[in-house]
Amino acid sequence: MTTPLLILIAGPYRSGTDGDPALIARNLARLEEAAGPIFRLGHVPMIGEWVALPVLRTLDPVDAGEGDVMYETARRLLQHCDAVLRLPGESSGADKDVEIAQELGLPVYRSLDEIPSAATP
């Protein structure tokens, strides 16, 4: 039993989509499928795109490239996370999330089964 963790769910978002909005939406749905199980374990799930996409929508396009905002948001967000769940699939962004998490000494889980349950009040 542990206290609740803020767990970043990392996996493919734009990878393998060639920019196709339907495929990007499918990748986001796959990331979000892990949110419920993480919550049921007593933790708080987080996906970088949940934070980065509103930032992108409110920035002047001249101010930032999409990739820069996505990666920078994830980097900043990881400063507040307690762990990362790395989902399968090729993704340079998710690989970078894992690298940053390891530099910070955060646990990186490769499966929902590896995440410990949190104590609930």
PDB file of N, CA and C in Angstrom:
ATOM      1  N   MET A   1       0.840  -1.184   0.000  1.00  0.00           N
ATOM      2  CA  MET A   1       0.000   0.000   0.000  1.00  0.00           C
ATOM      3  C   MET A   1       0.890   1.253   0.000  1.00  0.00           C
ATOM      4  N   THR A   2       0.522   2.209  -0.815  1.00  0.00           N
ATOM      5  CA  THR A   2       1.247   3.467  -0.907  1.00  0.00           C
ATOM      6  C   THR A   2       0.250   4.611  -0.857  1.00  0.00           C
ATOM      7  N   THR A   3       0.788   5.822  -0.747  1.00  0.00           N
ATOM      8  CA  THR A   3      -0.087   6.983  -0.873  1.00  0.00           C
ATOM      9  C   THR A   3      -0.376   7.190  -2.355  1.00  0.00           C
ATOM     10  N   PRO A   4      -1.431   7.899  -2.693  1.00  0.00           N
ATOM     11  CA  PRO A   4      -1.759   8.111  -4.104  1.00  0.00           C
ATOM     12  C   PRO A   4      -0.616   8.779  -4.861  1.00  0.00           C
ATOM     13  N   LEU A   5      -0.382   8.293  -6.054  1.00  0.00           N
ATOM     14  CA  LEU A   5       0.656   8.820  -6.931  1.00  0.00           C
ATOM     15  C   LEU A   5       0.013   9.558  -8.100  1.00  0.00           C
ATOM     16  N   LEU A   6       0.716  10.546  -8.621  1.00  0.00           N
ATOM     17  CA  LEU A   6       0.354  11.177  -9.884  1.00  0.00           C
ATOM     18  C   LEU A   6       1.164  10.443 -10.949  1.00  0.00           C
ATOM     19  N   ILE A   7       0.478   9.689 -11.815  1.00  0.00           N
ATOM     20  CA  ILE A   7       1.144   8.811 -12.771  1.00  0.00           C
ATOM     21  C   ILE A   7       0.919   9.310 -14.192  1.00  0.00           C
ATOM     22  N   LEU A   8       2.010   9.672 -14.856  1.00  0.00           N
ATOM     23  CA  LEU A   8       1.946  10.094 -16.253  1.00  0.00           C
ATOM     24  C   LEU A   8       1.831   8.862 -17.140  1.00  0.00           C
ATOM     25  N   ILE A   9       0.822   8.847 -17.996  1.00  0.00           N
ATOM     26  CA  ILE A   9       0.634   7.761 -18.952  1.00  0.00           C
ATOM     27  C   ILE A   9       1.332   8.188 -20.243  1.00  0.00           C
ATOM     28  N   ALA A  10       2.363   7.446 -20.637  1.00  0.00           N
ATOM     29  CA  ALA A  10       3.165   7.788 -21.810  1.00  0.00           C
ATOM     30  C   ALA A  10       3.044   6.697 -22.856  1.00  0.00           C
ATOM     31  N   GLY A  11       2.823   7.104 -24.085  1.00  0.00           N
ATOM     32  CA  GLY A  11       2.722   6.159 -25.194  1.00  0.00           C
ATOM     33  C   GLY A  11       2.539   6.925 -26.476  1.00  0.00           C
ATOM     34  N   PRO A  12       2.331   6.226 -27.576  1.00  0.00           N
ATOM     35  CA  PRO A  12       2.172   6.898 -28.861  1.00  0.00           C
ATOM     36  C   PRO A  12       0.973   7.853 -28.877  1.00  0.00           C
ATOM     37  N   TYR A  13       1.199   9.033 -29.402  1.00  0.00           N
ATOM     38  CA  TYR A  13       0.129   9.997 -29.637  1.00  0.00           C
ATOM     39  C   TYR A  13       0.084  10.334 -31.134  1.00  0.00           C
ATOM     40  N   ARG A  14       1.147  10.940 -31.631  1.00  0.00           N
ATOM     41  CA  ARG A  14       1.203  11.250 -33.067  1.00  0.00           C
ATOM     42  C   ARG A  14       1.951  10.185 -33.858  1.00  0.00           C
ATOM     43  N   SER A  15       2.732   9.369 -33.188  1.00  0.00           N
ATOM     44  CA  SER A  15       3.551   8.357 -33.865  1.00  0.00           C
ATOM     45  C   SER A  15       2.694   7.439 -34.725  1.00  0.00           C
ATOM     46  N   GLY A  16       3.166   7.208 -35.945  1.00  0.00           N
ATOM     47  CA  GLY A  16       2.497   6.275 -36.838  1.00  0.00           C
ATOM     48  C   GLY A  16       1.189   6.768 -37.420  1.00  0.00           C
ATOM     49  N   THR A  17       0.904   8.068 -37.299  1.00  0.00           N
ATOM     50  CA  THR A  17      -0.380   8.586 -37.766  1.00  0.00           C
ATOM     51  C   THR A  17      -0.287   9.389 -39.059  1.00  0.00           C
ATOM     52  N   ASP A  18       0.899   9.808 -39.442  1.00  0.00           N
ATOM     53  CA  ASP A  18       1.071  10.713 -40.590  1.00  0.00           C
ATOM     54  C   ASP A  18       0.145  11.926 -40.478  1.00  0.00           C
ATOM     55  N   GLY A  19      -0.129  12.337 -39.234  1.00  0.00           N
ATOM     56  CA  GLY A  19      -0.964  13.515 -39.003  1.00  0.00           C
ATOM     57  C   GLY A  19      -2.453  13.302 -39.182  1.00  0.00           C
ATOM     58  N   ASP A  20      -2.880  12.066 -39.387  1.00  0.00           N
ATOM     59  CA  ASP A  20      -4.302  11.757 -39.581  1.00  0.00           C
ATOM     60  C   ASP A  20      -5.053  11.970 -38.260  1.00  0.00           C
ATOM     61  N   PRO A  21      -5.981  12.930 -38.207  1.00  0.00           N
ATOM     62  CA  PRO A  21      -6.699  13.215 -36.958  1.00  0.00           C
ATOM     63  C   PRO A  21      -7.419  12.006 -36.368  1.00  0.00           C
ATOM     64  N   ALA A  22      -7.960  11.127 -37.200  1.00  0.00           N
ATOM     65  CA  ALA A  22      -8.658   9.950 -36.681  1.00  0.00           C
ATOM     66  C   ALA A  22      -7.688   9.004 -35.989  1.00  0.00           C
ATOM     67  N   LEU A  23      -6.497   8.835 -36.559  1.00  0.00           N
ATOM     68  CA  LEU A  23      -5.499   7.962 -35.939  1.00  0.00           C
ATOM     69  C   LEU A  23      -4.927   8.584 -34.666  1.00  0.00           C
ATOM     70  N   ILE A  24      -4.757   9.898 -34.676  1.00  0.00           N
ATOM     71  CA  ILE A  24      -4.298  10.591 -33.462  1.00  0.00           C
ATOM     72  C   ILE A  24      -5.338  10.425 -32.363  1.00  0.00           C
ATOM     73  N   ALA A  25      -6.612  10.580 -32.691  1.00  0.00           N
ATOM     74  CA  ALA A  25      -7.688  10.406 -31.704  1.00  0.00           C
ATOM     75  C   ALA A  25      -7.695   8.977 -31.168  1.00  0.00           C
ATOM     76  N   ARG A  26      -7.443   8.012 -32.038  1.00  0.00           N
ATOM     77  CA  ARG A  26      -7.392   6.613 -31.597  1.00  0.00           C
ATOM     78  C   ARG A  26      -6.235   6.403 -30.616  1.00  0.00           C
ATOM     79  N   ASN A  27      -5.077   7.009 -30.908  1.00  0.00           N
ATOM     80  CA  ASN A  27      -3.943   6.895 -29.992  1.00  0.00           C
ATOM     81  C   ASN A  27      -4.259   7.537 -28.649  1.00  0.00           C
ATOM     82  N   LEU A  28      -4.921   8.699 -28.661  1.00  0.00           N
ATOM     83  CA  LEU A  28      -5.292   9.340 -27.394  1.00  0.00           C
ATOM     84  C   LEU A  28      -6.263   8.455 -26.623  1.00  0.00           C
ATOM     85  N   ALA A  29      -7.198   7.839 -27.315  1.00  0.00           N
ATOM     86  CA  ALA A  29      -8.139   6.934 -26.650  1.00  0.00           C
ATOM     87  C   ALA A  29      -7.394   5.770 -25.998  1.00  0.00           C
ATOM     88  N   ARG A  30      -6.373   5.261 -26.645  1.00  0.00           N
ATOM     89  CA  ARG A  30      -5.572   4.170 -26.042  1.00  0.00           C
ATOM     90  C   ARG A  30      -4.878   4.646 -24.773  1.00  0.00           C
ATOM     91  N   LEU A  31      -4.333   5.861 -24.813  1.00  0.00           N
ATOM     92  CA  LEU A  31      -3.719   6.408 -23.602  1.00  0.00           C
ATOM     93  C   LEU A  31      -4.761   6.529 -22.492  1.00  0.00           C
ATOM     94  N   GLU A  32      -5.934   7.034 -22.850  1.00  0.00           N
ATOM     95  CA  GLU A  32      -6.983   7.258 -21.857  1.00  0.00           C
ATOM     96  C   GLU A  32      -7.550   5.961 -21.290  1.00  0.00           C
ATOM     97  N   GLU A  33      -7.435   4.858 -22.025  1.00  0.00           N
ATOM     98  CA  GLU A  33      -7.920   3.574 -21.501  1.00  0.00           C
ATOM     99  C   GLU A  33      -7.217   3.166 -20.214  1.00  0.00           C
ATOM    100  N   ALA A  34      -6.004   3.653 -20.010  1.00  0.00           N
ATOM    101  CA  ALA A  34      -5.264   3.321 -18.783  1.00  0.00           C
ATOM    102  C   ALA A  34      -5.680   4.198 -17.604  1.00  0.00           C
ATOM    103  N   ALA A  35      -6.384   5.300 -17.869  1.00  0.00           N
ATOM    104  CA  ALA A  35      -6.728   6.241 -16.797  1.00  0.00           C
ATOM    105  C   ALA A  35      -7.647   5.615 -15.747  1.00  0.00           C
ATOM    106  N   GLY A  36      -8.697   4.919 -16.178  1.00  0.00           N
ATOM    107  CA  GLY A  36      -9.636   4.308 -15.233  1.00  0.00           C
ATOM    108  C   GLY A  36      -8.974   3.294 -14.316  1.00  0.00           C
ATOM    109  N   PRO A  37      -8.211   2.351 -14.867  1.00  0.00           N
ATOM    110  CA  PRO A  37      -7.528   1.384 -14.005  1.00  0.00           C
ATOM    111  C   PRO A  37      -6.557   2.037 -13.015  1.00  0.00           C
ATOM    112  N   ILE A  38      -5.871   3.073 -13.441  1.00  0.00           N
ATOM    113  CA  ILE A  38      -4.957   3.774 -12.522  1.00  0.00           C
ATOM    114  C   ILE A  38      -5.766   4.425 -11.406  1.00  0.00           C
ATOM    115  N   PHE A  39      -6.871   5.045 -11.756  1.00  0.00           N
ATOM    116  CA  PHE A  39      -7.739   5.661 -10.749  1.00  0.00           C
ATOM    117  C   PHE A  39      -8.268   4.613  -9.772  1.00  0.00           C
ATOM    118  N   ARG A  40      -8.701   3.461 -10.305  1.00  0.00           N
ATOM    119  CA  ARG A  40      -9.214   2.385  -9.433  1.00  0.00           C
ATOM    120  C   ARG A  40      -8.151   1.881  -8.471  1.00  0.00           C
ATOM    121  N   LEU A  41      -6.877   2.002  -8.840  1.00  0.00           N
ATOM    122  CA  LEU A  41      -5.789   1.601  -7.943  1.00  0.00           C
ATOM    123  C   LEU A  41      -5.537   2.653  -6.859  1.00  0.00           C
ATOM    124  N   GLY A  42      -6.252   3.766  -6.930  1.00  0.00           N
ATOM    125  CA  GLY A  42      -6.133   4.797  -5.904  1.00  0.00           C
ATOM    126  C   GLY A  42      -5.209   5.936  -6.275  1.00  0.00           C
ATOM    127  N   HIS A  43      -4.816   6.024  -7.545  1.00  0.00           N
ATOM    128  CA  HIS A  43      -3.871   7.051  -7.984  1.00  0.00           C
ATOM    129  C   HIS A  43      -4.559   8.075  -8.886  1.00  0.00           C
ATOM    130  N   VAL A  44      -3.804   9.092  -9.293  1.00  0.00           N
ATOM    131  CA  VAL A  44      -4.300  10.120 -10.204  1.00  0.00           C
ATOM    132  C   VAL A  44      -3.602   9.942 -11.551  1.00  0.00           C
ATOM    133  N   PRO A  45      -4.363   9.592 -12.591  1.00  0.00           N
ATOM    134  CA  PRO A  45      -3.770   9.455 -13.921  1.00  0.00           C
ATOM    135  C   PRO A  45      -3.577  10.825 -14.567  1.00  0.00           C
ATOM    136  N   MET A  46      -2.534  10.921 -15.386  1.00  0.00           N
ATOM    137  CA  MET A  46      -2.269  12.166 -16.109  1.00  0.00           C
ATOM    138  C   MET A  46      -1.745  11.819 -17.491  1.00  0.00           C
ATOM    139  N   ILE A  47      -2.190  12.560 -18.481  1.00  0.00           N
ATOM    140  CA  ILE A  47      -1.695  12.415 -19.848  1.00  0.00           C
ATOM    141  C   ILE A  47      -1.226  13.795 -20.284  1.00  0.00           C
ATOM    142  N   GLY A  48      -0.008  13.874 -20.792  1.00  0.00           N
ATOM    143  CA  GLY A  48       0.569  15.159 -21.172  1.00  0.00           C
ATOM    144  C   GLY A  48      -0.284  15.936 -22.155  1.00  0.00           C
ATOM    145  N   GLU A  49      -0.944  15.234 -23.081  1.00  0.00           N
ATOM    146  CA  GLU A  49      -1.776  15.915 -24.070  1.00  0.00           C
ATOM    147  C   GLU A  49      -2.972  16.612 -23.431  1.00  0.00           C
ATOM    148  N   TRP A  50      -3.441  16.116 -22.291  1.00  0.00           N
ATOM    149  CA  TRP A  50      -4.538  16.782 -21.590  1.00  0.00           C
ATOM    150  C   TRP A  50      -4.141  18.203 -21.201  1.00  0.00           C
ATOM    151  N   VAL A  51      -2.855  18.408 -20.977  1.00  0.00           N
ATOM    152  CA  VAL A  51      -2.343  19.718 -20.594  1.00  0.00           C
ATOM    153  C   VAL A  51      -1.855  20.485 -21.822  1.00  0.00           C
ATOM    154  N   ALA A  52      -1.136  19.809 -22.705  1.00  0.00           N
ATOM    155  CA  ALA A  52      -0.496  20.481 -23.837  1.00  0.00           C
ATOM    156  C   ALA A  52      -1.479  20.980 -24.890  1.00  0.00           C
ATOM    157  N   LEU A  53      -2.538  20.231 -25.159  1.00  0.00           N
ATOM    158  CA  LEU A  53      -3.453  20.633 -26.229  1.00  0.00           C
ATOM    159  C   LEU A  53      -4.139  21.979 -25.953  1.00  0.00           C
ATOM    160  N   PRO A  54      -4.626  22.249 -24.737  1.00  0.00           N
ATOM    161  CA  PRO A  54      -5.185  23.589 -24.487  1.00  0.00           C
ATOM    162  C   PRO A  54      -4.122  24.692 -24.590  1.00  0.00           C
ATOM    163  N   VAL A  55      -2.889  24.373 -24.206  1.00  0.00           N
ATOM    164  CA  VAL A  55      -1.810  25.350 -24.347  1.00  0.00           C
ATOM    165  C   VAL A  55      -1.613  25.672 -25.826  1.00  0.00           C
ATOM    166  N   LEU A  56      -1.562  24.634 -26.652  1.00  0.00           N
ATOM    167  CA  LEU A  56      -1.399  24.842 -28.097  1.00  0.00           C
ATOM    168  C   LEU A  56      -2.527  25.686 -28.688  1.00  0.00           C
ATOM    169  N   ARG A  57      -3.747  25.443 -28.232  1.00  0.00           N
ATOM    170  CA  ARG A  57      -4.896  26.173 -28.760  1.00  0.00           C
ATOM    171  C   ARG A  57      -4.875  27.653 -28.391  1.00  0.00           C
ATOM    172  N   THR A  58      -4.170  27.994 -27.315  1.00  0.00           N
ATOM    173  CA  THR A  58      -4.193  29.378 -26.838  1.00  0.00           C
ATOM    174  C   THR A  58      -2.913  30.150 -27.130  1.00  0.00           C
ATOM    175  N   LEU A  59      -1.920  29.502 -27.719  1.00  0.00           N
ATOM    176  CA  LEU A  59      -0.693  30.197 -28.105  1.00  0.00           C
ATOM    177  C   LEU A  59      -0.799  30.691 -29.534  1.00  0.00           C
ATOM    178  N   ASP A  60      -0.167  31.795 -29.799  1.00  0.00           N
ATOM    179  CA  ASP A  60      -0.033  32.275 -31.178  1.00  0.00           C
ATOM    180  C   ASP A  60       0.853  31.273 -31.907  1.00  0.00           C
ATOM    181  N   PRO A  61       0.443  30.792 -33.075  1.00  0.00           N
ATOM    182  CA  PRO A  61       1.230  29.784 -33.801  1.00  0.00           C
ATOM    183  C   PRO A  61       2.673  30.198 -34.046  1.00  0.00           C
ATOM    184  N   VAL A  62       2.938  31.493 -34.094  1.00  0.00           N
ATOM    185  CA  VAL A  62       4.302  31.978 -34.305  1.00  0.00           C
ATOM    186  C   VAL A  62       5.160  31.729 -33.061  1.00  0.00           C
ATOM    187  N   ASP A  63       4.513  31.673 -31.895  1.00  0.00           N
ATOM    188  CA  ASP A  63       5.249  31.565 -30.631  1.00  0.00           C
ATOM    189  C   ASP A  63       5.840  30.189 -30.375  1.00  0.00           C
ATOM    190  N   ALA A  64       5.221  29.140 -30.890  1.00  0.00           N
ATOM    191  CA  ALA A  64       5.721  27.800 -30.563  1.00  0.00           C
ATOM    192  C   ALA A  64       5.296  26.786 -31.613  1.00  0.00           C
ATOM    193  N   GLY A  65       6.199  25.881 -31.904  1.00  0.00           N
ATOM    194  CA  GLY A  65       5.853  24.753 -32.762  1.00  0.00           C
ATOM    195  C   GLY A  65       5.130  23.710 -31.939  1.00  0.00           C
ATOM    196  N   GLU A  66       4.270  22.918 -32.583  1.00  0.00           N
ATOM    197  CA  GLU A  66       3.474  21.922 -31.870  1.00  0.00           C
ATOM    198  C   GLU A  66       4.355  20.959 -31.085  1.00  0.00           C
ATOM    199  N   GLY A  67       5.377  20.409 -31.737  1.00  0.00           N
ATOM    200  CA  GLY A  67       6.247  19.454 -31.059  1.00  0.00           C
ATOM    201  C   GLY A  67       6.940  20.052 -29.855  1.00  0.00           C
ATOM    202  N   ASP A  68       7.398  21.285 -29.991  1.00  0.00           N
ATOM    203  CA  ASP A  68       8.084  21.939 -28.884  1.00  0.00           C
ATOM    204  C   ASP A  68       7.172  22.066 -27.673  1.00  0.00           C
ATOM    205  N   VAL A  69       5.932  22.470 -27.896  1.00  0.00           N
ATOM    206  CA  VAL A  69       4.979  22.627 -26.791  1.00  0.00           C
ATOM    207  C   VAL A  69       4.680  21.269 -26.161  1.00  0.00           C
ATOM    208  N   MET A  70       4.484  20.254 -26.976  1.00  0.00           N
ATOM    209  CA  MET A  70       4.164  18.925 -26.445  1.00  0.00           C
ATOM    210  C   MET A  70       5.310  18.409 -25.568  1.00  0.00           C
ATOM    211  N   TYR A  71       6.526  18.473 -26.085  1.00  0.00           N
ATOM    212  CA  TYR A  71       7.672  17.956 -25.331  1.00  0.00           C
ATOM    213  C   TYR A  71       7.962  18.795 -24.092  1.00  0.00           C
ATOM    214  N   GLU A  72       7.871  20.111 -24.232  1.00  0.00           N
ATOM    215  CA  GLU A  72       8.153  20.981 -23.088  1.00  0.00           C
ATOM    216  C   GLU A  72       7.094  20.822 -22.007  1.00  0.00           C
ATOM    217  N   THR A  73       5.844  20.660 -22.401  1.00  0.00           N
ATOM    218  CA  THR A  73       4.785  20.436 -21.414  1.00  0.00           C
ATOM    219  C   THR A  73       5.045  19.149 -20.644  1.00  0.00           C
ATOM    220  N   ALA A  74       5.391  18.093 -21.356  1.00  0.00           N
ATOM    221  CA  ALA A  74       5.676  16.815 -20.688  1.00  0.00           C
ATOM    222  C   ALA A  74       6.862  16.955 -19.741  1.00  0.00           C
ATOM    223  N   ARG A  75       7.901  17.667 -20.173  1.00  0.00           N
ATOM    224  CA  ARG A  75       9.077  17.847 -19.317  1.00  0.00           C
ATOM    225  C   ARG A  75       8.697  18.574 -18.025  1.00  0.00           C
ATOM    226  N   ARG A  76       7.922  19.635 -18.161  1.00  0.00           N
ATOM    227  CA  ARG A  76       7.502  20.393 -16.964  1.00  0.00           C
ATOM    228  C   ARG A  76       6.574  19.562 -16.085  1.00  0.00           C
ATOM    229  N   LEU A  77       5.662  18.852 -16.713  1.00  0.00           N
ATOM    230  CA  LEU A  77       4.708  18.032 -15.977  1.00  0.00           C
ATOM    231  C   LEU A  77       5.413  16.941 -15.178  1.00  0.00           C
ATOM    232  N   LEU A  78       6.436  16.351 -15.750  1.00  0.00           N
ATOM    233  CA  LEU A  78       7.160  15.278 -15.056  1.00  0.00           C
ATOM    234  C   LEU A  78       7.809  15.757 -13.758  1.00  0.00           C
ATOM    235  N   GLN A  79       8.037  17.051 -13.630  1.00  0.00           N
ATOM    236  CA  GLN A  79       8.588  17.594 -12.383  1.00  0.00           C
ATOM    237  C   GLN A  79       7.605  17.424 -11.222  1.00  0.00           C
ATOM    238  N   HIS A  80       6.336  17.173 -11.549  1.00  0.00           N
ATOM    239  CA  HIS A  80       5.286  17.039 -10.528  1.00  0.00           C
ATOM    240  C   HIS A  80       4.755  15.616 -10.400  1.00  0.00           C
ATOM    241  N   CYS A  81       5.173  14.748 -11.296  1.00  0.00           N
ATOM    242  CA  CYS A  81       4.672  13.376 -11.285  1.00  0.00           C
ATOM    243  C   CYS A  81       5.483  12.495 -10.339  1.00  0.00           C
ATOM    244  N   ASP A  82       4.867  11.406  -9.931  1.00  0.00           N
ATOM    245  CA  ASP A  82       5.511  10.448  -9.033  1.00  0.00           C
ATOM    246  C   ASP A  82       5.955   9.185  -9.753  1.00  0.00           C
ATOM    247  N   ALA A  83       5.424   8.956 -10.952  1.00  0.00           N
ATOM    248  CA  ALA A  83       5.745   7.736 -11.699  1.00  0.00           C
ATOM    249  C   ALA A  83       5.256   7.900 -13.134  1.00  0.00           C
ATOM    250  N   VAL A  84       5.699   6.979 -13.989  1.00  0.00           N
ATOM    251  CA  VAL A  84       5.281   6.945 -15.389  1.00  0.00           C
ATOM    252  C   VAL A  84       4.820   5.530 -15.714  1.00  0.00           C
ATOM    253  N   LEU A  85       3.731   5.450 -16.452  1.00  0.00           N
ATOM    254  CA  LEU A  85       3.307   4.181 -17.057  1.00  0.00           C
ATOM    255  C   LEU A  85       3.616   4.296 -18.536  1.00  0.00           C
ATOM    256  N   ARG A  86       4.557   3.485 -19.022  1.00  0.00           N
ATOM    257  CA  ARG A  86       4.936   3.505 -20.450  1.00  0.00           C
ATOM    258  C   ARG A  86       4.150   2.424 -21.167  1.00  0.00           C
ATOM    259  N   LEU A  87       3.222   2.848 -22.012  1.00  0.00           N
ATOM    260  CA  LEU A  87       2.433   1.912 -22.795  1.00  0.00           C
ATOM    261  C   LEU A  87       3.229   1.457 -24.019  1.00  0.00           C
ATOM    262  N   PRO A  88       2.903   0.292 -24.575  1.00  0.00           N
ATOM    263  CA  PRO A  88       3.624  -0.207 -25.748  1.00  0.00           C
ATOM    264  C   PRO A  88       3.413   0.687 -26.965  1.00  0.00           C
ATOM    265  N   GLY A  89       4.379   0.624 -27.864  1.00  0.00           N
ATOM    266  CA  GLY A  89       4.285   1.340 -29.130  1.00  0.00           C
ATOM    267  C   GLY A  89       5.427   2.309 -29.298  1.00  0.00           C
ATOM    268  N   GLU A  90       5.815   2.458 -30.552  1.00  0.00           N
ATOM    269  CA  GLU A  90       6.922   3.352 -30.869  1.00  0.00           C
ATOM    270  C   GLU A  90       6.499   4.803 -30.658  1.00  0.00           C
ATOM    271  N   SER A  91       7.306   5.538 -29.890  1.00  0.00           N
ATOM    272  CA  SER A  91       7.018   6.946 -29.622  1.00  0.00           C
ATOM    273  C   SER A  91       8.263   7.607 -29.055  1.00  0.00           C
ATOM    274  N   SER A  92       8.833   8.530 -29.828  1.00  0.00           N
ATOM    275  CA  SER A  92      10.016   9.227 -29.328  1.00  0.00           C
ATOM    276  C   SER A  92       9.662  10.103 -28.129  1.00  0.00           C
ATOM    277  N   GLY A  93       8.456  10.693 -28.127  1.00  0.00           N
ATOM    278  CA  GLY A  93       8.033  11.511 -26.989  1.00  0.00           C
ATOM    279  C   GLY A  93       7.892  10.693 -25.718  1.00  0.00           C
ATOM    280  N   ALA A  94       7.268   9.522 -25.818  1.00  0.00           N
ATOM    281  CA  ALA A  94       7.118   8.657 -24.648  1.00  0.00           C
ATOM    282  C   ALA A  94       8.474   8.146 -24.182  1.00  0.00           C
ATOM    283  N   ASP A  95       9.364   7.857 -25.129  1.00  0.00           N
ATOM    284  CA  ASP A  95      10.717   7.435 -24.750  1.00  0.00           C
ATOM    285  C   ASP A  95      11.435   8.550 -23.997  1.00  0.00           C
ATOM    286  N   LYS A  96      11.229   9.794 -24.430  1.00  0.00           N
ATOM    287  CA  LYS A  96      11.833  10.937 -23.747  1.00  0.00           C
ATOM    288  C   LYS A  96      11.232  11.089 -22.348  1.00  0.00           C
ATOM    289  N   ASP A  97       9.928  10.860 -22.213  1.00  0.00           N
ATOM    290  CA  ASP A  97       9.288  10.908 -20.892  1.00  0.00           C
ATOM    291  C   ASP A  97       9.939   9.907 -19.948  1.00  0.00           C
ATOM    292  N   VAL A  98      10.194   8.704 -20.445  1.00  0.00           N
ATOM    293  CA  VAL A  98      10.831   7.664 -19.635  1.00  0.00           C
ATOM    294  C   VAL A  98      12.239   8.095 -19.251  1.00  0.00           C
ATOM    295  N   GLU A  99      12.961   8.645 -20.201  1.00  0.00           N
ATOM    296  CA  GLU A  99      14.332   9.105 -19.923  1.00  0.00           C
ATOM    297  C   GLU A  99      14.342  10.164 -18.825  1.00  0.00           C
ATOM    298  N   ILE A 100      13.439  11.131 -18.924  1.00  0.00           N
ATOM    299  CA  ILE A 100      13.350  12.183 -17.897  1.00  0.00           C
ATOM    300  C   ILE A 100      12.946  11.584 -16.556  1.00  0.00           C
ATOM    301  N   ALA A 101      11.978  10.689 -16.558  1.00  0.00           N
ATOM    302  CA  ALA A 101      11.540  10.047 -15.311  1.00  0.00           C
ATOM    303  C   ALA A 101      12.702   9.326 -14.652  1.00  0.00           C
ATOM    304  N   GLN A 102      13.487   8.612 -15.438  1.00  0.00           N
ATOM    305  CA  GLN A 102      14.636   7.890 -14.880  1.00  0.00           C
ATOM    306  C   GLN A 102      15.673   8.858 -14.315  1.00  0.00           C
ATOM    307  N   GLU A 103      15.900   9.974 -15.005  1.00  0.00           N
ATOM    308  CA  GLU A 103      16.825  10.993 -14.490  1.00  0.00           C
ATOM    309  C   GLU A 103      16.343  11.545 -13.152  1.00  0.00           C
ATOM    310  N   LEU A 104      15.016  11.646 -13.004  1.00  0.00           N
ATOM    311  CA  LEU A 104      14.425  12.156 -11.762  1.00  0.00           C
ATOM    312  C   LEU A 104      14.306  11.078 -10.683  1.00  0.00           C
ATOM    313  N   GLY A 105      14.626   9.842 -11.035  1.00  0.00           N
ATOM    314  CA  GLY A 105      14.521   8.747 -10.076  1.00  0.00           C
ATOM    315  C   GLY A 105      13.102   8.249  -9.871  1.00  0.00           C
ATOM    316  N   LEU A 106      12.228   8.517 -10.831  1.00  0.00           N
ATOM    317  CA  LEU A 106      10.834   8.079 -10.712  1.00  0.00           C
ATOM    318  C   LEU A 106      10.680   6.646 -11.207  1.00  0.00           C
ATOM    319  N   PRO A 107       9.784   5.882 -10.606  1.00  0.00           N
ATOM    320  CA  PRO A 107       9.518   4.544 -11.135  1.00  0.00           C
ATOM    321  C   PRO A 107       8.863   4.626 -12.508  1.00  0.00           C
ATOM    322  N   VAL A 108       9.244   3.689 -13.368  1.00  0.00           N
ATOM    323  CA  VAL A 108       8.634   3.577 -14.688  1.00  0.00           C
ATOM    324  C   VAL A 108       8.006   2.195 -14.763  1.00  0.00           C
ATOM    325  N   TYR A 109       6.692   2.177 -14.865  1.00  0.00           N
ATOM    326  CA  TYR A 109       5.962   0.919 -14.964  1.00  0.00           C
ATOM    327  C   TYR A 109       5.720   0.616 -16.440  1.00  0.00           C
ATOM    328  N   ARG A 110       5.772  -0.655 -16.789  1.00  0.00           N
ATOM    329  CA  ARG A 110       5.534  -1.083 -18.175  1.00  0.00           C
ATOM    330  C   ARG A 110       4.187  -1.791 -18.319  1.00  0.00           C
ATOM    331  N   SER A 111       3.488  -1.937 -17.199  1.00  0.00           N
ATOM    332  CA  SER A 111       2.204  -2.638 -17.194  1.00  0.00           C
ATOM    333  C   SER A 111       1.392  -2.125 -16.012  1.00  0.00           C
ATOM    334  N   LEU A 112       0.083  -2.121 -16.166  1.00  0.00           N
ATOM    335  CA  LEU A 112      -0.799  -1.744 -15.057  1.00  0.00           C
ATOM    336  C   LEU A 112      -0.596  -2.673 -13.868  1.00  0.00           C
ATOM    337  N   ASP A 113      -0.266  -3.936 -14.141  1.00  0.00           N
ATOM    338  CA  ASP A 113      -0.054  -4.918 -13.069  1.00  0.00           C
ATOM    339  C   ASP A 113       1.120  -4.564 -12.169  1.00  0.00           C
ATOM    340  N   GLU A 114       2.036  -3.751 -12.645  1.00  0.00           N
ATOM    341  CA  GLU A 114       3.203  -3.369 -11.843  1.00  0.00           C
ATOM    342  C   GLU A 114       2.902  -2.239 -10.870  1.00  0.00           C
ATOM    343  N   ILE A 115       1.806  -1.532 -11.068  1.00  0.00           N
ATOM    344  CA  ILE A 115       1.485  -0.359 -10.229  1.00  0.00           C
ATOM    345  C   ILE A 115       0.882  -0.836  -8.915  1.00  0.00           C
ATOM    346  N   PRO A 116       1.504  -0.419  -7.796  1.00  0.00           N
ATOM    347  CA  PRO A 116       0.947  -0.821  -6.494  1.00  0.00           C
ATOM    348  C   PRO A 116      -0.356  -0.094  -6.198  1.00  0.00           C
ATOM    349  N   SER A 117      -1.195  -0.719  -5.403  1.00  0.00           N
ATOM    350  CA  SER A 117      -2.419  -0.064  -4.946  1.00  0.00           C
ATOM    351  C   SER A 117      -2.059   0.990  -3.927  1.00  0.00           C
ATOM    352  N   ALA A 118      -2.844   2.067  -3.922  1.00  0.00           N
ATOM    353  CA  ALA A 118      -2.659   3.105  -2.916  1.00  0.00           C
ATOM    354  C   ALA A 118      -3.608   2.842  -1.759  1.00  0.00           C
ATOM    355  N   ALA A 119      -3.188   3.267  -0.589  1.00  0.00           N
ATOM    356  CA  ALA A 119      -4.064   3.192   0.574  1.00  0.00           C
ATOM    357  C   ALA A 119      -5.210   4.157   0.354  1.00  0.00           C
ATOM    358  N   THR A 120      -6.408   3.738   0.629  1.00  0.00           N
ATOM    359  CA  THR A 120      -7.553   4.630   0.503  1.00  0.00           C
ATOM    360  C   THR A 120      -8.125   4.884   1.891  1.00  0.00           C
ATOM    361  N   PRO A 121      -8.589   6.114   2.120  1.00  0.00           N
ATOM    362  CA  PRO A 121      -9.094   6.455   3.461  1.00  0.00           C
ATOM    363  C   PRO A 121     -10.359   5.699   3.807  1.00  0.00           C
TER     364      PRO A 121
END
